[in-house]
Every structure is written in structure tokens, then in C-alpha cells.
Amino acid sequence: MSNIYNTQELIQILATERQACLKGERLKLDITVSGNPIIDQFIRTDGLQKFTAYQDFKTSIHEYQRENQVSGIIWQDITIKNKNLHYPEIDPELIALEIDFQILKLAKNSILEFWYLVTEEMDLYLSFSNGKQHQKIAKIDVERITQRTEWSTLLKWENPNFLELILQLGWGQPQEATYKRGRPLAGSEFIHAVNPGCYPIG
């Protein structure tokens, strides 16, 4: 009976492979930039070959996850204003299995409760244009967004003079939701909470 790799082992395997691809140790040589052999001889393709080699490897890892039911969930801890939360999220290099979605959906309310508690006196902004612009919103706007999403996760930017807490509210595969490439089946909205008078940087 063969051993099945666990979540942490798959994360490490992907990190090792990503480094090998970046160093040029793995290339997908049949990749061309334009498809026109005359043009392609003048354009460097090594960056695209490295990227494609890694993407192909990552796709095979995702298939391995499905076949062997290896979860994509990692557990995170966050502390804001002396309040702590232990919550699940999907590793950015892995996919969510159906059972993972159930765990994410169950955790959504506790993440939201924590977020509302620690952002009570903060200004809220919705990001758009791929995070390049932000519009000030109210708590009721956040509540409307939460009703049409399946899962949530948190990200914190903090230094002694600044605090920004980002609430990602999403649906579908988290890996596809973050970069909007999976719409309409996957997507997300980002709510930024900052101290009054400050503006989001994340």
C-alpha cells in the first residue's frame, strides 16, 4: 500500500517545484509566444516556459488532491486588538475539495463575528478595479455582500502606526476567486477596514 501525501507535504512539493521552475530547471519547451515561427525566434520564451511548466505541475497536484481526497485547508491564527481567532483557509497553491467547502462555510460566521468585533470603530472600504481603487461603505453594505458569498478569510497589514484588516468574501474555488479568473463560478469581494482618517494600502 502506497503512502498518500498530506496537505503540508503537497505544499512543500509545490514550493520545491516552483523554485526549480524559476531557476530554469523545468521548462515546457513546446510553448511559443505567438505561434508564428518567424516572430517566435526573436522573442524570449523562457519565462513563459517556466510559468507553464509550473502550472502544469500544479494542475497534476490538484488532480492528485481530488483522487486521494487530500484537503487544501490550512489553519491560520490572527490576533487583532488582543482578540484571537483560529480559522481555516485554502492554501493559495491548492484547491478546495467539497468537504473543504463545508468547513469553510461553517467557519464563515465565526470569521465575520470576529471581523465585526475588531473593526467596530474603523472605516470600511470596498476595493474594485483589481484592488486599485476603494470606495467607502457602511456595515449594512458588508452585510449585503455576505449574504451572496459562501466563505470568508482574513488578511492583516499592521505596523505601530497603521492597521488594515482585509475581509475576503468569496464563492467557488478560492484559488480562482482571488484573481477573478473564475467568474462567474468563482469570485470574491475585498472589504478593507482601517482606522478613521486612514486609507487602505492593501
N, C-alpha and C. Protein backbone atom coordinates (compact mmCIF):
# COMPACT_ATOMS: atom_id res chain seq x y z
N MET A 1 0.84 -1.18 0.00
CA MET A 1 0.00 0.00 0.00
C MET A 1 0.89 1.25 0.00
N SER A 2 0.63 2.16 -0.92
CA SER A 2 1.47 3.35 -1.04
C SER A 2 0.98 4.44 -0.09
N ASN A 3 1.92 5.27 0.35
CA ASN A 3 1.57 6.38 1.22
C ASN A 3 0.93 7.49 0.41
N ILE A 4 -0.01 8.19 1.02
CA ILE A 4 -0.65 9.34 0.38
C ILE A 4 -0.07 10.59 1.03
N TYR A 5 0.35 11.51 0.19
CA TYR A 5 0.90 12.77 0.69
C TYR A 5 -0.20 13.58 1.38
N ASN A 6 0.15 14.23 2.48
CA ASN A 6 -0.83 15.07 3.17
C ASN A 6 -0.74 16.52 2.66
N THR A 7 -1.57 17.38 3.20
CA THR A 7 -1.64 18.77 2.76
C THR A 7 -0.29 19.47 2.87
N GLN A 8 0.36 19.37 4.02
CA GLN A 8 1.64 20.05 4.22
C GLN A 8 2.71 19.52 3.27
N GLU A 9 2.69 18.22 3.01
CA GLU A 9 3.67 17.65 2.08
C GLU A 9 3.43 18.17 0.66
N LEU A 10 2.17 18.29 0.25
CA LEU A 10 1.87 18.82 -1.08
C LEU A 10 2.30 20.28 -1.20
N ILE A 11 2.10 21.05 -0.14
CA ILE A 11 2.54 22.45 -0.14
C ILE A 11 4.05 22.52 -0.33
N GLN A 12 4.79 21.66 0.37
CA GLN A 12 6.26 21.64 0.26
C GLN A 12 6.70 21.18 -1.12
N ILE A 13 6.04 20.16 -1.67
CA ILE A 13 6.36 19.68 -3.02
C ILE A 13 6.17 20.80 -4.03
N LEU A 14 5.06 21.52 -3.92
CA LEU A 14 4.80 22.63 -4.85
C LEU A 14 5.84 23.75 -4.70
N ALA A 15 6.23 24.05 -3.47
CA ALA A 15 7.23 25.10 -3.25
C ALA A 15 8.57 24.71 -3.87
N THR A 16 8.95 23.45 -3.72
CA THR A 16 10.20 22.96 -4.31
C THR A 16 10.14 23.01 -5.83
N GLU A 17 9.03 22.58 -6.39
CA GLU A 17 8.86 22.59 -7.85
C GLU A 17 8.84 24.02 -8.39
N ARG A 18 8.20 24.93 -7.67
CA ARG A 18 8.15 26.33 -8.10
C ARG A 18 9.57 26.90 -8.18
N GLN A 19 10.40 26.60 -7.17
CA GLN A 19 11.79 27.07 -7.19
C GLN A 19 12.56 26.47 -8.36
N ALA A 20 12.34 25.19 -8.62
CA ALA A 20 13.02 24.54 -9.75
C ALA A 20 12.61 25.19 -11.07
N CYS A 21 11.35 25.51 -11.21
CA CYS A 21 10.87 26.17 -12.43
C CYS A 21 11.46 27.57 -12.56
N LEU A 22 11.49 28.31 -11.47
CA LEU A 22 12.04 29.67 -11.51
C LEU A 22 13.53 29.67 -11.86
N LYS A 23 14.24 28.64 -11.43
CA LYS A 23 15.67 28.53 -11.74
C LYS A 23 15.92 28.03 -13.16
N GLY A 24 14.85 27.66 -13.86
CA GLY A 24 15.00 27.15 -15.22
C GLY A 24 15.32 25.67 -15.29
N GLU A 25 15.18 24.97 -14.16
CA GLU A 25 15.44 23.53 -14.15
C GLU A 25 14.28 22.76 -14.77
N ARG A 26 13.13 23.40 -14.89
CA ARG A 26 11.96 22.79 -15.54
C ARG A 26 11.44 23.78 -16.57
N LEU A 27 11.31 23.33 -17.79
CA LEU A 27 10.77 24.17 -18.85
C LEU A 27 9.78 23.36 -19.67
N LYS A 28 8.77 24.02 -20.17
CA LYS A 28 7.87 23.39 -21.14
C LYS A 28 8.30 23.92 -22.50
N LEU A 29 9.11 23.13 -23.20
CA LEU A 29 9.80 23.60 -24.40
C LEU A 29 8.89 23.81 -25.60
N ASP A 30 7.72 23.19 -25.61
CA ASP A 30 6.85 23.33 -26.79
C ASP A 30 5.98 24.59 -26.74
N ILE A 31 6.22 25.47 -25.78
CA ILE A 31 5.46 26.72 -25.67
C ILE A 31 6.06 27.77 -26.60
N THR A 32 5.18 28.44 -27.35
CA THR A 32 5.60 29.56 -28.19
C THR A 32 4.78 30.78 -27.80
N VAL A 33 5.31 31.95 -28.07
CA VAL A 33 4.63 33.19 -27.69
C VAL A 33 3.49 33.51 -28.63
N SER A 34 3.77 33.52 -29.93
CA SER A 34 2.76 33.96 -30.89
C SER A 34 2.20 32.82 -31.74
N GLY A 35 2.93 31.72 -31.82
CA GLY A 35 2.52 30.65 -32.72
C GLY A 35 3.10 30.83 -34.11
N ASN A 36 3.73 31.96 -34.36
CA ASN A 36 4.36 32.24 -35.65
C ASN A 36 5.86 31.99 -35.50
N PRO A 37 6.40 30.96 -36.20
CA PRO A 37 7.81 30.62 -36.01
C PRO A 37 8.78 31.74 -36.36
N ILE A 38 8.42 32.60 -37.29
CA ILE A 38 9.31 33.71 -37.66
C ILE A 38 9.40 34.72 -36.52
N ILE A 39 8.25 35.06 -35.94
CA ILE A 39 8.22 36.02 -34.82
C ILE A 39 8.83 35.40 -33.56
N ASP A 40 8.48 34.13 -33.30
CA ASP A 40 8.93 33.48 -32.07
C ASP A 40 10.45 33.37 -31.95
N GLN A 41 11.17 33.32 -33.08
CA GLN A 41 12.62 33.21 -32.99
C GLN A 41 13.27 34.48 -32.43
N PHE A 42 12.55 35.59 -32.43
CA PHE A 42 13.08 36.86 -31.91
C PHE A 42 12.59 37.18 -30.50
N ILE A 43 11.71 36.36 -29.96
CA ILE A 43 11.13 36.63 -28.64
C ILE A 43 11.59 35.56 -27.66
N ARG A 44 12.05 36.00 -26.49
CA ARG A 44 12.46 35.05 -25.46
C ARG A 44 11.23 34.38 -24.86
N THR A 45 11.27 33.07 -24.78
CA THR A 45 10.13 32.33 -24.25
C THR A 45 10.42 31.65 -22.92
N ASP A 46 11.63 31.81 -22.38
CA ASP A 46 11.98 31.06 -21.18
C ASP A 46 11.08 31.37 -19.99
N GLY A 47 10.66 32.63 -19.82
CA GLY A 47 9.75 32.97 -18.72
C GLY A 47 8.42 32.26 -18.86
N LEU A 48 7.88 32.25 -20.06
CA LEU A 48 6.61 31.57 -20.32
C LEU A 48 6.77 30.07 -20.15
N GLN A 49 7.91 29.52 -20.57
CA GLN A 49 8.16 28.09 -20.42
C GLN A 49 8.24 27.70 -18.94
N LYS A 50 8.87 28.53 -18.11
CA LYS A 50 8.96 28.27 -16.67
C LYS A 50 7.58 28.31 -16.04
N PHE A 51 6.81 29.37 -16.38
CA PHE A 51 5.48 29.54 -15.82
C PHE A 51 4.58 28.37 -16.20
N THR A 52 4.59 27.98 -17.46
CA THR A 52 3.73 26.90 -17.94
C THR A 52 4.12 25.57 -17.33
N ALA A 53 5.41 25.33 -17.17
CA ALA A 53 5.86 24.08 -16.54
C ALA A 53 5.31 23.98 -15.12
N TYR A 54 5.37 25.09 -14.38
CA TYR A 54 4.86 25.07 -13.01
C TYR A 54 3.34 24.90 -12.99
N GLN A 55 2.64 25.60 -13.87
CA GLN A 55 1.17 25.48 -13.92
C GLN A 55 0.75 24.05 -14.24
N ASP A 56 1.45 23.40 -15.15
CA ASP A 56 1.14 22.01 -15.48
C ASP A 56 1.35 21.11 -14.27
N PHE A 57 2.45 21.33 -13.55
CA PHE A 57 2.73 20.53 -12.36
C PHE A 57 1.66 20.77 -11.30
N LYS A 58 1.29 22.02 -11.11
CA LYS A 58 0.26 22.36 -10.11
C LYS A 58 -1.07 21.70 -10.47
N THR A 59 -1.41 21.67 -11.74
CA THR A 59 -2.64 21.00 -12.18
C THR A 59 -2.60 19.52 -11.82
N SER A 60 -1.45 18.88 -11.98
CA SER A 60 -1.34 17.46 -11.63
C SER A 60 -1.47 17.26 -10.11
N ILE A 61 -0.98 18.22 -9.32
CA ILE A 61 -1.15 18.14 -7.86
C ILE A 61 -2.63 18.28 -7.50
N HIS A 62 -3.33 19.16 -8.17
CA HIS A 62 -4.77 19.33 -7.91
C HIS A 62 -5.53 18.05 -8.25
N GLU A 63 -5.13 17.39 -9.32
CA GLU A 63 -5.76 16.11 -9.67
C GLU A 63 -5.46 15.07 -8.61
N TYR A 64 -4.22 15.07 -8.10
CA TYR A 64 -3.84 14.17 -7.01
C TYR A 64 -4.71 14.43 -5.78
N GLN A 65 -4.93 15.70 -5.47
CA GLN A 65 -5.80 16.05 -4.34
C GLN A 65 -7.18 15.43 -4.51
N ARG A 66 -7.76 15.60 -5.70
CA ARG A 66 -9.11 15.07 -5.95
C ARG A 66 -9.13 13.54 -5.82
N GLU A 67 -8.17 12.89 -6.47
CA GLU A 67 -8.15 11.43 -6.49
C GLU A 67 -7.96 10.85 -5.09
N ASN A 68 -7.15 11.49 -4.27
CA ASN A 68 -6.82 10.96 -2.94
C ASN A 68 -7.51 11.70 -1.80
N GLN A 69 -8.40 12.64 -2.15
CA GLN A 69 -9.15 13.40 -1.15
C GLN A 69 -8.23 14.06 -0.12
N VAL A 70 -7.20 14.75 -0.63
CA VAL A 70 -6.27 15.47 0.23
C VAL A 70 -6.75 16.92 0.35
N SER A 71 -7.08 17.31 1.53
CA SER A 71 -7.63 18.64 1.80
C SER A 71 -6.66 19.75 1.40
N GLY A 72 -7.22 20.88 0.99
CA GLY A 72 -6.42 22.07 0.71
C GLY A 72 -6.41 23.04 1.88
N ILE A 73 -7.04 22.66 2.98
CA ILE A 73 -7.18 23.57 4.13
C ILE A 73 -5.90 23.64 4.96
N ILE A 74 -5.56 24.88 5.30
CA ILE A 74 -4.54 25.15 6.31
C ILE A 74 -5.21 26.00 7.39
N TRP A 75 -4.72 25.90 8.61
CA TRP A 75 -5.33 26.64 9.72
C TRP A 75 -4.45 27.84 10.06
N GLN A 76 -5.09 28.97 10.21
CA GLN A 76 -4.40 30.23 10.48
C GLN A 76 -4.81 30.76 11.85
N ASP A 77 -3.93 31.55 12.44
CA ASP A 77 -4.22 32.27 13.68
C ASP A 77 -3.99 33.75 13.42
N ILE A 78 -4.91 34.56 13.92
CA ILE A 78 -4.77 36.00 13.76
C ILE A 78 -5.10 36.66 15.09
N THR A 79 -4.35 37.70 15.44
CA THR A 79 -4.60 38.48 16.65
C THR A 79 -4.73 39.94 16.26
N ILE A 80 -5.86 40.53 16.63
CA ILE A 80 -6.13 41.95 16.39
C ILE A 80 -6.69 42.53 17.69
N LYS A 81 -6.11 43.62 18.14
CA LYS A 81 -6.61 44.31 19.34
C LYS A 81 -6.80 43.35 20.51
N ASN A 82 -5.82 42.47 20.71
CA ASN A 82 -5.83 41.47 21.79
C ASN A 82 -6.95 40.44 21.68
N LYS A 83 -7.54 40.30 20.52
CA LYS A 83 -8.56 39.27 20.26
C LYS A 83 -7.94 38.27 19.29
N ASN A 84 -8.20 36.98 19.53
CA ASN A 84 -7.60 35.91 18.72
C ASN A 84 -8.66 35.12 17.97
N LEU A 85 -8.26 34.62 16.80
CA LEU A 85 -9.13 33.75 16.01
C LEU A 85 -8.28 32.68 15.35
N HIS A 86 -8.74 31.44 15.42
CA HIS A 86 -8.14 30.29 14.74
C HIS A 86 -9.15 29.90 13.67
N TYR A 87 -8.74 29.95 12.40
CA TYR A 87 -9.72 29.75 11.33
C TYR A 87 -9.10 29.02 10.13
N PRO A 88 -9.94 28.38 9.31
CA PRO A 88 -9.44 27.66 8.13
C PRO A 88 -9.42 28.54 6.89
N GLU A 89 -8.47 28.26 6.02
CA GLU A 89 -8.48 28.84 4.68
C GLU A 89 -7.79 27.85 3.75
N ILE A 90 -7.95 28.05 2.46
CA ILE A 90 -7.33 27.17 1.47
C ILE A 90 -5.95 27.72 1.13
N ASP A 91 -4.95 26.85 1.15
CA ASP A 91 -3.62 27.27 0.74
C ASP A 91 -3.70 27.81 -0.69
N PRO A 92 -3.04 28.93 -0.98
CA PRO A 92 -3.18 29.55 -2.31
C PRO A 92 -2.71 28.69 -3.47
N GLU A 93 -1.93 27.65 -3.22
CA GLU A 93 -1.46 26.78 -4.30
C GLU A 93 -2.31 25.53 -4.47
N LEU A 94 -3.22 25.27 -3.53
CA LEU A 94 -4.05 24.07 -3.58
C LEU A 94 -5.50 24.43 -3.91
N ILE A 95 -6.31 23.40 -4.10
CA ILE A 95 -7.74 23.61 -4.36
C ILE A 95 -8.55 23.16 -3.16
N ALA A 96 -9.80 23.59 -3.14
CA ALA A 96 -10.73 23.18 -2.09
C ALA A 96 -11.52 21.98 -2.58
N LEU A 97 -11.56 20.92 -1.77
CA LEU A 97 -12.42 19.78 -2.05
C LEU A 97 -13.82 20.10 -1.54
N GLU A 98 -14.78 19.27 -1.87
CA GLU A 98 -16.15 19.50 -1.42
C GLU A 98 -16.23 19.55 0.11
N ILE A 99 -15.51 18.65 0.77
CA ILE A 99 -15.51 18.65 2.24
C ILE A 99 -14.87 19.93 2.78
N ASP A 100 -13.88 20.47 2.06
CA ASP A 100 -13.25 21.73 2.47
C ASP A 100 -14.26 22.88 2.42
N PHE A 101 -15.11 22.87 1.38
CA PHE A 101 -16.13 23.92 1.27
C PHE A 101 -17.07 23.88 2.47
N GLN A 102 -17.39 22.69 2.94
CA GLN A 102 -18.27 22.58 4.10
C GLN A 102 -17.60 23.20 5.33
N ILE A 103 -16.31 22.95 5.49
CA ILE A 103 -15.56 23.52 6.63
C ILE A 103 -15.50 25.04 6.51
N LEU A 104 -15.23 25.55 5.29
CA LEU A 104 -15.16 27.00 5.08
C LEU A 104 -16.52 27.66 5.36
N LYS A 105 -17.59 27.02 4.91
CA LYS A 105 -18.93 27.59 5.13
C LYS A 105 -19.27 27.62 6.62
N LEU A 106 -18.88 26.57 7.34
CA LEU A 106 -19.14 26.54 8.79
C LEU A 106 -18.33 27.61 9.53
N ALA A 107 -17.15 27.93 9.03
CA ALA A 107 -16.29 28.92 9.69
C ALA A 107 -16.65 30.35 9.35
N LYS A 108 -17.44 30.55 8.31
CA LYS A 108 -17.73 31.91 7.83
C LYS A 108 -18.30 32.81 8.92
N ASN A 109 -19.27 32.32 9.67
CA ASN A 109 -19.91 33.16 10.70
C ASN A 109 -18.94 33.56 11.81
N SER A 110 -18.07 32.63 12.25
CA SER A 110 -17.13 33.00 13.32
C SER A 110 -16.10 34.01 12.81
N ILE A 111 -15.71 33.91 11.54
CA ILE A 111 -14.79 34.89 10.96
C ILE A 111 -15.47 36.25 10.90
N LEU A 112 -16.73 36.27 10.47
CA LEU A 112 -17.47 37.53 10.39
C LEU A 112 -17.67 38.16 11.76
N GLU A 113 -18.03 37.34 12.76
CA GLU A 113 -18.21 37.87 14.11
C GLU A 113 -16.92 38.50 14.63
N PHE A 114 -15.80 37.82 14.42
CA PHE A 114 -14.50 38.35 14.83
C PHE A 114 -14.22 39.67 14.10
N TRP A 115 -14.44 39.69 12.79
CA TRP A 115 -14.16 40.88 11.98
C TRP A 115 -15.01 42.07 12.43
N TYR A 116 -16.31 41.83 12.65
CA TYR A 116 -17.18 42.92 13.13
C TYR A 116 -16.72 43.43 14.50
N LEU A 117 -16.30 42.53 15.37
CA LEU A 117 -15.87 42.90 16.72
C LEU A 117 -14.63 43.80 16.68
N VAL A 118 -13.63 43.42 15.89
CA VAL A 118 -12.36 44.17 15.90
C VAL A 118 -12.36 45.38 14.98
N THR A 119 -13.38 45.51 14.12
CA THR A 119 -13.42 46.66 13.20
C THR A 119 -14.53 47.64 13.55
N GLU A 120 -15.10 47.50 14.74
CA GLU A 120 -16.27 48.29 15.12
C GLU A 120 -16.09 49.80 14.95
N GLU A 121 -14.95 50.34 15.30
CA GLU A 121 -14.71 51.79 15.21
C GLU A 121 -13.92 52.18 13.97
N MET A 122 -13.78 51.27 13.02
CA MET A 122 -12.92 51.52 11.86
C MET A 122 -13.74 51.94 10.64
N ASP A 123 -13.08 52.59 9.68
CA ASP A 123 -13.70 52.94 8.40
C ASP A 123 -13.62 51.74 7.48
N LEU A 124 -14.69 51.52 6.70
CA LEU A 124 -14.76 50.37 5.80
C LEU A 124 -14.72 50.83 4.35
N TYR A 125 -13.97 50.08 3.53
CA TYR A 125 -13.85 50.38 2.11
C TYR A 125 -14.01 49.09 1.31
N LEU A 126 -14.69 49.19 0.18
CA LEU A 126 -14.79 48.09 -0.78
C LEU A 126 -13.78 48.36 -1.89
N SER A 127 -12.95 47.36 -2.20
CA SER A 127 -11.98 47.57 -3.28
C SER A 127 -12.58 47.12 -4.60
N PHE A 128 -12.19 47.80 -5.67
CA PHE A 128 -12.61 47.43 -7.03
C PHE A 128 -11.50 47.78 -7.99
N SER A 129 -11.69 47.50 -9.26
CA SER A 129 -10.63 47.67 -10.28
C SER A 129 -9.38 46.90 -9.86
N ASN A 130 -9.59 45.63 -9.48
CA ASN A 130 -8.49 44.75 -9.06
C ASN A 130 -7.68 45.33 -7.90
N GLY A 131 -8.38 45.96 -6.96
CA GLY A 131 -7.74 46.48 -5.76
C GLY A 131 -7.05 47.82 -5.93
N LYS A 132 -7.18 48.42 -7.10
CA LYS A 132 -6.51 49.71 -7.34
C LYS A 132 -7.31 50.88 -6.79
N GLN A 133 -8.62 50.70 -6.61
CA GLN A 133 -9.47 51.77 -6.10
C GLN A 133 -10.31 51.26 -4.94
N HIS A 134 -10.73 52.19 -4.09
CA HIS A 134 -11.51 51.83 -2.90
C HIS A 134 -12.65 52.84 -2.74
N GLN A 135 -13.81 52.30 -2.34
CA GLN A 135 -14.98 53.15 -2.09
C GLN A 135 -15.44 52.94 -0.66
N LYS A 136 -15.66 54.02 0.06
CA LYS A 136 -16.10 53.92 1.45
C LYS A 136 -17.51 53.33 1.48
N ILE A 137 -17.73 52.39 2.41
CA ILE A 137 -19.03 51.74 2.54
C ILE A 137 -19.42 51.67 4.02
N ALA A 138 -20.65 51.22 4.26
CA ALA A 138 -21.15 51.08 5.63
C ALA A 138 -21.29 49.59 5.98
N LYS A 139 -21.50 49.32 7.25
CA LYS A 139 -21.65 47.94 7.72
C LYS A 139 -22.79 47.23 6.99
N ILE A 140 -23.88 47.94 6.70
CA ILE A 140 -25.01 47.31 6.01
C ILE A 140 -24.63 46.83 4.61
N ASP A 141 -23.69 47.54 3.96
CA ASP A 141 -23.20 47.10 2.65
C ASP A 141 -22.43 45.79 2.77
N VAL A 142 -21.65 45.67 3.83
CA VAL A 142 -20.90 44.43 4.08
C VAL A 142 -21.88 43.29 4.30
N GLU A 143 -22.94 43.54 5.07
CA GLU A 143 -23.93 42.50 5.34
C GLU A 143 -24.61 42.02 4.06
N ARG A 144 -24.87 42.93 3.13
CA ARG A 144 -25.47 42.53 1.85
C ARG A 144 -24.52 41.62 1.06
N ILE A 145 -23.24 41.98 1.07
CA ILE A 145 -22.26 41.17 0.35
C ILE A 145 -22.14 39.78 0.98
N THR A 146 -22.16 39.70 2.31
CA THR A 146 -22.01 38.40 2.97
C THR A 146 -23.14 37.45 2.62
N GLN A 147 -24.31 37.99 2.32
CA GLN A 147 -25.46 37.14 2.00
C GLN A 147 -25.29 36.39 0.69
N ARG A 148 -24.48 36.91 -0.22
CA ARG A 148 -24.33 36.25 -1.52
C ARG A 148 -22.98 35.54 -1.68
N THR A 149 -22.27 35.37 -0.56
CA THR A 149 -20.98 34.68 -0.62
C THR A 149 -21.01 33.42 0.24
N GLU A 150 -20.06 32.51 -0.03
CA GLU A 150 -20.03 31.21 0.64
C GLU A 150 -19.00 31.11 1.76
N TRP A 151 -17.89 31.80 1.62
CA TRP A 151 -16.79 31.64 2.57
C TRP A 151 -16.10 32.98 2.78
N SER A 152 -15.24 33.02 3.79
CA SER A 152 -14.51 34.26 4.08
C SER A 152 -13.12 33.91 4.63
N THR A 153 -12.23 34.87 4.49
CA THR A 153 -10.89 34.74 5.07
C THR A 153 -10.37 36.14 5.40
N LEU A 154 -9.28 36.20 6.12
CA LEU A 154 -8.75 37.48 6.62
C LEU A 154 -7.29 37.68 6.23
N LEU A 155 -6.92 38.94 6.12
CA LEU A 155 -5.53 39.34 5.89
C LEU A 155 -5.29 40.61 6.67
N LYS A 156 -4.11 40.72 7.29
CA LYS A 156 -3.81 41.87 8.14
C LYS A 156 -2.54 42.56 7.68
N TRP A 157 -2.59 43.90 7.58
CA TRP A 157 -1.40 44.74 7.39
C TRP A 157 -1.28 45.57 8.66
N GLU A 158 -0.14 45.49 9.33
CA GLU A 158 -0.03 46.21 10.60
C GLU A 158 1.40 46.65 10.86
N ASN A 159 1.53 47.86 11.38
CA ASN A 159 2.79 48.34 11.94
C ASN A 159 2.40 49.25 13.11
N PRO A 160 3.35 49.82 13.84
CA PRO A 160 2.98 50.62 15.02
C PRO A 160 2.04 51.80 14.73
N ASN A 161 2.02 52.29 13.50
CA ASN A 161 1.20 53.47 13.18
C ASN A 161 0.02 53.18 12.26
N PHE A 162 -0.17 51.92 11.88
CA PHE A 162 -1.19 51.63 10.87
C PHE A 162 -1.75 50.23 11.07
N LEU A 163 -3.06 50.09 10.85
CA LEU A 163 -3.71 48.78 10.88
C LEU A 163 -4.72 48.72 9.75
N GLU A 164 -4.62 47.68 8.95
CA GLU A 164 -5.62 47.41 7.92
C GLU A 164 -5.98 45.94 8.00
N LEU A 165 -7.26 45.66 8.12
CA LEU A 165 -7.75 44.29 8.17
C LEU A 165 -8.63 44.08 6.94
N ILE A 166 -8.26 43.10 6.12
CA ILE A 166 -8.99 42.84 4.88
C ILE A 166 -9.82 41.58 5.06
N LEU A 167 -11.10 41.71 4.77
CA LEU A 167 -12.04 40.59 4.79
C LEU A 167 -12.33 40.21 3.35
N GLN A 168 -11.94 38.99 2.98
CA GLN A 168 -12.26 38.49 1.64
C GLN A 168 -13.52 37.65 1.76
N LEU A 169 -14.55 38.02 1.01
CA LEU A 169 -15.81 37.28 0.97
C LEU A 169 -15.93 36.66 -0.42
N GLY A 170 -15.99 35.33 -0.48
CA GLY A 170 -15.92 34.69 -1.78
C GLY A 170 -16.91 33.57 -2.00
N TRP A 171 -16.90 33.09 -3.24
CA TRP A 171 -17.68 31.93 -3.64
C TRP A 171 -16.86 31.14 -4.65
N GLY A 172 -17.12 29.84 -4.75
CA GLY A 172 -16.37 28.99 -5.67
C GLY A 172 -14.96 28.71 -5.17
N GLN A 173 -14.10 28.19 -6.07
CA GLN A 173 -12.73 27.85 -5.71
C GLN A 173 -11.95 29.09 -5.27
N PRO A 174 -11.42 29.11 -4.05
CA PRO A 174 -10.67 30.29 -3.59
C PRO A 174 -9.51 30.67 -4.51
N GLN A 175 -8.82 29.68 -5.07
CA GLN A 175 -7.69 29.98 -5.95
C GLN A 175 -8.13 30.79 -7.17
N GLU A 176 -9.29 30.49 -7.70
CA GLU A 176 -9.80 31.22 -8.87
C GLU A 176 -10.53 32.49 -8.47
N ALA A 177 -11.07 32.52 -7.26
CA ALA A 177 -11.84 33.68 -6.80
C ALA A 177 -10.97 34.90 -6.57
N THR A 178 -9.78 34.70 -6.07
CA THR A 178 -8.91 35.82 -5.72
C THR A 178 -8.55 36.67 -6.92
N TYR A 179 -8.28 36.04 -8.04
CA TYR A 179 -7.80 36.78 -9.20
C TYR A 179 -8.88 37.02 -10.25
N LYS A 180 -10.12 36.74 -9.92
CA LYS A 180 -11.28 36.99 -10.78
C LYS A 180 -11.25 36.22 -12.10
N ARG A 181 -10.36 35.21 -12.22
CA ARG A 181 -10.31 34.47 -13.47
C ARG A 181 -11.39 33.39 -13.54
N GLY A 182 -12.05 33.14 -12.43
CA GLY A 182 -13.06 32.09 -12.42
C GLY A 182 -14.49 32.58 -12.52
N ARG A 183 -14.68 33.88 -12.70
CA ARG A 183 -16.04 34.43 -12.75
C ARG A 183 -16.82 33.85 -13.91
N PRO A 184 -18.08 33.57 -13.77
CA PRO A 184 -18.94 33.83 -12.61
C PRO A 184 -18.98 32.68 -11.60
N LEU A 185 -18.30 31.56 -11.88
CA LEU A 185 -18.37 30.42 -10.97
C LEU A 185 -17.59 30.64 -9.68
N ALA A 186 -16.59 31.51 -9.73
CA ALA A 186 -15.80 31.82 -8.54
C ALA A 186 -15.47 33.30 -8.56
N GLY A 187 -15.48 33.89 -7.39
CA GLY A 187 -15.16 35.31 -7.30
C GLY A 187 -15.11 35.74 -5.85
N SER A 188 -14.73 36.97 -5.63
CA SER A 188 -14.70 37.48 -4.26
C SER A 188 -14.72 38.99 -4.24
N GLU A 189 -15.10 39.50 -3.09
CA GLU A 189 -15.07 40.94 -2.81
C GLU A 189 -14.14 41.14 -1.62
N PHE A 190 -13.43 42.25 -1.63
CA PHE A 190 -12.49 42.55 -0.55
C PHE A 190 -12.95 43.80 0.19
N ILE A 191 -13.17 43.66 1.50
CA ILE A 191 -13.57 44.76 2.36
C ILE A 191 -12.37 45.13 3.22
N HIS A 192 -11.98 46.38 3.18
CA HIS A 192 -10.81 46.87 3.92
C HIS A 192 -11.28 47.70 5.11
N ALA A 193 -10.80 47.38 6.30
CA ALA A 193 -11.10 48.16 7.50
C ALA A 193 -9.81 48.87 7.93
N VAL A 194 -9.90 50.19 8.08
CA VAL A 194 -8.74 50.99 8.50
C VAL A 194 -9.17 51.94 9.61
N ASN A 195 -8.21 52.42 10.37
CA ASN A 195 -8.52 53.38 11.42
C ASN A 195 -9.09 54.66 10.81
N PRO A 196 -9.98 55.34 11.53
CA PRO A 196 -10.61 56.55 10.99
C PRO A 196 -9.58 57.55 10.46
N GLY A 197 -9.85 58.06 9.27
CA GLY A 197 -8.96 59.02 8.64
C GLY A 197 -7.86 58.40 7.79
N CYS A 198 -7.71 57.09 7.87
CA CYS A 198 -6.69 56.40 7.06
C CYS A 198 -7.32 55.86 5.78
N TYR A 199 -6.48 55.44 4.85
CA TYR A 199 -6.93 54.92 3.56
C TYR A 199 -6.26 53.56 3.33
N PRO A 200 -6.96 52.60 2.72
CA PRO A 200 -6.37 51.27 2.51
C PRO A 200 -5.10 51.31 1.67
N ILE A 201 -4.18 50.41 2.00
CA ILE A 201 -2.97 50.26 1.18
C ILE A 201 -2.91 48.88 0.55
N GLY A 202 -3.65 47.90 1.10
CA GLY A 202 -3.59 46.52 0.62
C GLY A 202 -4.48 46.25 -0.56
